[in-house]
Amino acid sequence: MVAQWQSRHAVERFDYVQAEEDFPILSDTALQQMVCNVLDNASEASPGHVALHLSVRTGMLCITVRDKGPGFAPAVLEQLGQRHISTKTERPGRGLGLFLVLNVARSLGGRVQVRNTPPRGSEVEIRLPLSSIAIEPGA
């Protein structure tokens, strides 16, 4: 999925750190769209630098995407997850991106945190329980 995303996006610098623990996961379309949506938003905000970091902590897959863009306006952070709240000013979106991300994460028993990273940029962290996405050996 990451290789496919990279082949369609020209980001000057893409930092990708895989989880140390490797395990098969159920990668359905909604999960792929969720991760690609966050990466798309980051690359639009920051075509010079996007980072994707995967880790496993206390039974959760942590997917963290960082960029060096302008960050989120406080009003957007307050209304995060509501439909039709878009951060795009030059080419407005429909406000469904983060709405989709939050709902897919919730449906899998996970959560999403969005924050600005001073002095410039933002971070979206998606935490998903391994029990809802890991494929058991022999299953």
C-alpha atoms as a PDB file:
ATOM      1  CA  MET A   1       0.000   0.000   0.000  1.00  0.00           C
ATOM      2  CA  VAL A   2       2.801   2.425   0.895  1.00  0.00           C
ATOM      3  CA  ALA A   3       4.672   1.673  -2.335  1.00  0.00           C
ATOM      4  CA  GLN A   4       1.503   2.261  -4.377  1.00  0.00           C
ATOM      5  CA  TRP A   5       0.866   5.560  -2.587  1.00  0.00           C
ATOM      6  CA  GLN A   6       4.460   6.697  -3.173  1.00  0.00           C
ATOM      7  CA  SER A   7       4.251   5.857  -6.884  1.00  0.00           C
ATOM      8  CA  ARG A   8       1.319   8.284  -7.270  1.00  0.00           C
ATOM      9  CA  HIS A   9       2.676  11.172  -5.170  1.00  0.00           C
ATOM     10  CA  ALA A  10       5.711  13.342  -5.729  1.00  0.00           C
ATOM     11  CA  VAL A  11       6.880  14.176  -2.222  1.00  0.00           C
ATOM     12  CA  GLU A  12      10.422  15.539  -2.020  1.00  0.00           C
ATOM     13  CA  ARG A  13      11.168  13.673   1.202  1.00  0.00           C
ATOM     14  CA  PHE A  14       9.160  10.696   2.442  1.00  0.00           C
ATOM     15  CA  ASP A  15      10.327   9.160   5.715  1.00  0.00           C
ATOM     16  CA  TYR A  16       8.884   5.696   6.290  1.00  0.00           C
ATOM     17  CA  VAL A  17       9.567   3.673   9.426  1.00  0.00           C
ATOM     18  CA  GLN A  18       7.992   0.232   9.633  1.00  0.00           C
ATOM     19  CA  ALA A  19       7.003  -1.459  12.864  1.00  0.00           C
ATOM     20  CA  GLU A  20       9.738  -3.679  14.301  1.00  0.00           C
ATOM     21  CA  GLU A  21       7.209  -6.437  14.808  1.00  0.00           C
ATOM     22  CA  ASP A  22       5.969  -7.834  11.503  1.00  0.00           C
ATOM     23  CA  PHE A  23       2.602  -9.568  11.341  1.00  0.00           C
ATOM     24  CA  PRO A  24      -0.105 -10.088   8.719  1.00  0.00           C
ATOM     25  CA  ILE A  25      -3.093  -7.762   8.935  1.00  0.00           C
ATOM     26  CA  LEU A  26      -6.465  -7.652   7.280  1.00  0.00           C
ATOM     27  CA  SER A  27      -6.053  -4.810   4.804  1.00  0.00           C
ATOM     28  CA  ASP A  28      -9.517  -4.080   3.487  1.00  0.00           C
ATOM     29  CA  THR A  29     -10.406  -1.166   1.240  1.00  0.00           C
ATOM     30  CA  ALA A  30     -11.647   1.059   4.073  1.00  0.00           C
ATOM     31  CA  LEU A  31      -8.404   0.629   6.014  1.00  0.00           C
ATOM     32  CA  GLN A  32      -6.334   1.407   2.924  1.00  0.00           C
ATOM     33  CA  GLN A  33      -8.454   4.468   2.115  1.00  0.00           C
ATOM     34  CA  MET A  34      -8.103   5.688   5.683  1.00  0.00           C
ATOM     35  CA  VAL A  35      -4.291   5.588   5.635  1.00  0.00           C
ATOM     36  CA  CYS A  36      -4.006   6.931   2.081  1.00  0.00           C
ATOM     37  CA  ASN A  37      -6.391   9.779   2.913  1.00  0.00           C
ATOM     38  CA  VAL A  38      -4.180  10.927   5.785  1.00  0.00           C
ATOM     39  CA  LEU A  39      -1.078  10.633   3.578  1.00  0.00           C
ATOM     40  CA  ASP A  40      -2.838  12.555   0.775  1.00  0.00           C
ATOM     41  CA  ASN A  41      -3.760  15.378   3.151  1.00  0.00           C
ATOM     42  CA  ALA A  42      -0.209  15.529   4.502  1.00  0.00           C
ATOM     43  CA  SER A  43       1.328  15.675   1.022  1.00  0.00           C
ATOM     44  CA  GLU A  44      -1.078  18.437  -0.043  1.00  0.00           C
ATOM     45  CA  ALA A  45      -0.178  20.476   3.043  1.00  0.00           C
ATOM     46  CA  SER A  46       3.522  19.677   2.819  1.00  0.00           C
ATOM     47  CA  PRO A  47       4.809  18.460  -0.573  1.00  0.00           C
ATOM     48  CA  GLY A  48       8.374  18.856   0.711  1.00  0.00           C
ATOM     49  CA  HIS A  49       8.147  16.407   3.606  1.00  0.00           C
ATOM     50  CA  VAL A  50       5.809  13.669   4.818  1.00  0.00           C
ATOM     51  CA  ALA A  51       6.628  11.027   7.421  1.00  0.00           C
ATOM     52  CA  LEU A  52       4.849   7.727   8.103  1.00  0.00           C
ATOM     53  CA  HIS A  53       5.762   5.800  11.228  1.00  0.00           C
ATOM     54  CA  LEU A  54       4.275   2.432  12.172  1.00  0.00           C
ATOM     55  CA  SER A  55       4.732   0.924  15.615  1.00  0.00           C
ATOM     56  CA  VAL A  56       3.073  -1.577  17.911  1.00  0.00           C
ATOM     57  CA  ARG A  57       2.397  -0.575  21.513  1.00  0.00           C
ATOM     58  CA  THR A  58       0.296  -2.400  24.103  1.00  0.00           C
ATOM     59  CA  GLY A  59      -1.761  -4.377  21.615  1.00  0.00           C
ATOM     60  CA  MET A  60      -2.319  -1.408  19.283  1.00  0.00           C
ATOM     61  CA  LEU A  61      -1.018  -0.656  15.805  1.00  0.00           C
ATOM     62  CA  CYS A  62      -0.005   3.006  15.822  1.00  0.00           C
ATOM     63  CA  ILE A  63       0.009   4.730  12.438  1.00  0.00           C
ATOM     64  CA  THR A  64       1.515   8.210  12.699  1.00  0.00           C
ATOM     65  CA  VAL A  65       1.637  10.658   9.785  1.00  0.00           C
ATOM     66  CA  ARG A  66       3.525  13.940  10.154  1.00  0.00           C
ATOM     67  CA  ASP A  67       3.945  16.860   7.801  1.00  0.00           C
ATOM     68  CA  LYS A  68       5.635  20.264   7.772  1.00  0.00           C
ATOM     69  CA  GLY A  69       2.590  22.177   6.495  1.00  0.00           C
ATOM     70  CA  PRO A  70       0.781  25.083   8.159  1.00  0.00           C
ATOM     71  CA  GLY A  71      -1.027  22.871  10.684  1.00  0.00           C
ATOM     72  CA  PHE A  72      -4.690  22.948  11.603  1.00  0.00           C
ATOM     73  CA  ALA A  73      -6.579  26.086  12.593  1.00  0.00           C
ATOM     74  CA  PRO A  74      -7.907  25.886  16.183  1.00  0.00           C
ATOM     75  CA  ALA A  75     -11.502  26.014  14.903  1.00  0.00           C
ATOM     76  CA  VAL A  76     -10.867  22.965  12.702  1.00  0.00           C
ATOM     77  CA  LEU A  77      -9.356  21.009  15.602  1.00  0.00           C
ATOM     78  CA  GLU A  78     -12.417  21.817  17.726  1.00  0.00           C
ATOM     79  CA  GLN A  79     -14.796  20.506  15.051  1.00  0.00           C
ATOM     80  CA  LEU A  80     -12.688  17.555  13.974  1.00  0.00           C
ATOM     81  CA  GLY A  81     -14.662  14.636  12.647  1.00  0.00           C
ATOM     82  CA  GLN A  82     -17.740  16.580  11.682  1.00  0.00           C
ATOM     83  CA  ARG A  83     -18.806  16.350   8.055  1.00  0.00           C
ATOM     84  CA  HIS A  84     -18.101  19.234   5.735  1.00  0.00           C
ATOM     85  CA  ILE A  85     -15.275  20.679   7.836  1.00  0.00           C
ATOM     86  CA  SER A  86     -12.436  21.177   5.357  1.00  0.00           C
ATOM     87  CA  THR A  87      -8.963  22.608   5.872  1.00  0.00           C
ATOM     88  CA  LYS A  88      -8.421  23.336   2.193  1.00  0.00           C
ATOM     89  CA  THR A  89      -8.741  27.019   1.309  1.00  0.00           C
ATOM     90  CA  GLU A  90      -7.384  27.211  -2.249  1.00  0.00           C
ATOM     91  CA  ARG A  91      -9.093  24.047  -3.474  1.00  0.00           C
ATOM     92  CA  PRO A  92     -11.751  23.262  -0.909  1.00  0.00           C
ATOM     93  CA  GLY A  93     -12.462  19.648  -0.161  1.00  0.00           C
ATOM     94  CA  ARG A  94     -15.763  18.221   0.843  1.00  0.00           C
ATOM     95  CA  GLY A  95     -14.694  17.788   4.437  1.00  0.00           C
ATOM     96  CA  LEU A  96     -15.094  14.015   4.303  1.00  0.00           C
ATOM     97  CA  GLY A  97     -11.434  12.981   4.636  1.00  0.00           C
ATOM     98  CA  LEU A  98     -10.914  13.117   8.377  1.00  0.00           C
ATOM     99  CA  PHE A  99     -14.577  12.255   8.891  1.00  0.00           C
ATOM    100  CA  LEU A 100     -13.917   8.974   7.044  1.00  0.00           C
ATOM    101  CA  VAL A 101     -10.680   8.384   8.963  1.00  0.00           C
ATOM    102  CA  LEU A 102     -12.357   8.852  12.343  1.00  0.00           C
ATOM    103  CA  ASN A 103     -15.284   6.610  11.468  1.00  0.00           C
ATOM    104  CA  VAL A 104     -13.169   3.768  10.085  1.00  0.00           C
ATOM    105  CA  ALA A 105     -10.940   3.893  13.173  1.00  0.00           C
ATOM    106  CA  ARG A 106     -13.981   3.861  15.467  1.00  0.00           C
ATOM    107  CA  SER A 107     -15.544   0.948  13.587  1.00  0.00           C
ATOM    108  CA  LEU A 108     -12.351  -1.039  14.239  1.00  0.00           C
ATOM    109  CA  GLY A 109     -12.313  -0.096  17.918  1.00  0.00           C
ATOM    110  CA  GLY A 110      -9.555   2.469  17.478  1.00  0.00           C
ATOM    111  CA  ARG A 111      -9.095   6.180  17.875  1.00  0.00           C
ATOM    112  CA  VAL A 112      -7.520   9.132  16.106  1.00  0.00           C
ATOM    113  CA  GLN A 113      -5.615  12.059  17.572  1.00  0.00           C
ATOM    114  CA  VAL A 114      -4.791  15.161  15.543  1.00  0.00           C
ATOM    115  CA  ARG A 115      -2.435  17.862  16.745  1.00  0.00           C
ATOM    116  CA  ASN A 116      -0.224  20.633  15.501  1.00  0.00           C
ATOM    117  CA  THR A 117       3.527  20.212  15.860  1.00  0.00           C
ATOM    118  CA  PRO A 118       5.165  23.594  16.474  1.00  0.00           C
ATOM    119  CA  PRO A 119       6.885  25.409  14.994  1.00  0.00           C
ATOM    120  CA  ARG A 120       5.259  24.109  11.789  1.00  0.00           C
ATOM    121  CA  GLY A 121       3.305  21.028  10.814  1.00  0.00           C
ATOM    122  CA  SER A 122       0.765  18.552  12.068  1.00  0.00           C
ATOM    123  CA  GLU A 123       0.526  14.976  13.220  1.00  0.00           C
ATOM    124  CA  VAL A 124      -2.289  12.479  12.827  1.00  0.00           C
ATOM    125  CA  GLU A 125      -2.025   9.376  14.976  1.00  0.00           C
ATOM    126  CA  ILE A 126      -4.331   6.435  14.351  1.00  0.00           C
ATOM    127  CA  ARG A 127      -4.407   3.662  16.951  1.00  0.00           C
ATOM    128  CA  LEU A 128      -6.073   0.379  16.014  1.00  0.00           C
ATOM    129  CA  PRO A 129      -6.360  -2.688  18.231  1.00  0.00           C
ATOM    130  CA  LEU A 130      -4.385  -5.583  16.803  1.00  0.00           C
ATOM    131  CA  SER A 131      -7.288  -7.854  17.721  1.00  0.00           C
ATOM    132  CA  SER A 132      -9.447  -6.141  15.067  1.00  0.00           C
ATOM    133  CA  ILE A 133      -6.908  -6.172  12.202  1.00  0.00           C
ATOM    134  CA  ALA A 134      -4.327  -8.939  12.800  1.00  0.00           C
ATOM    135  CA  ILE A 135      -4.785 -12.209  10.975  1.00  0.00           C
ATOM    136  CA  GLU A 136      -4.252 -15.115  13.342  1.00  0.00           C
ATOM    137  CA  PRO A 137      -1.747 -17.714  12.113  1.00  0.00           C
ATOM    138  CA  GLY A 138      -3.598 -20.655  10.628  1.00  0.00           C
ATOM    139  CA  ALA A 139      -6.879 -18.724  10.390  1.00  0.00           C
END
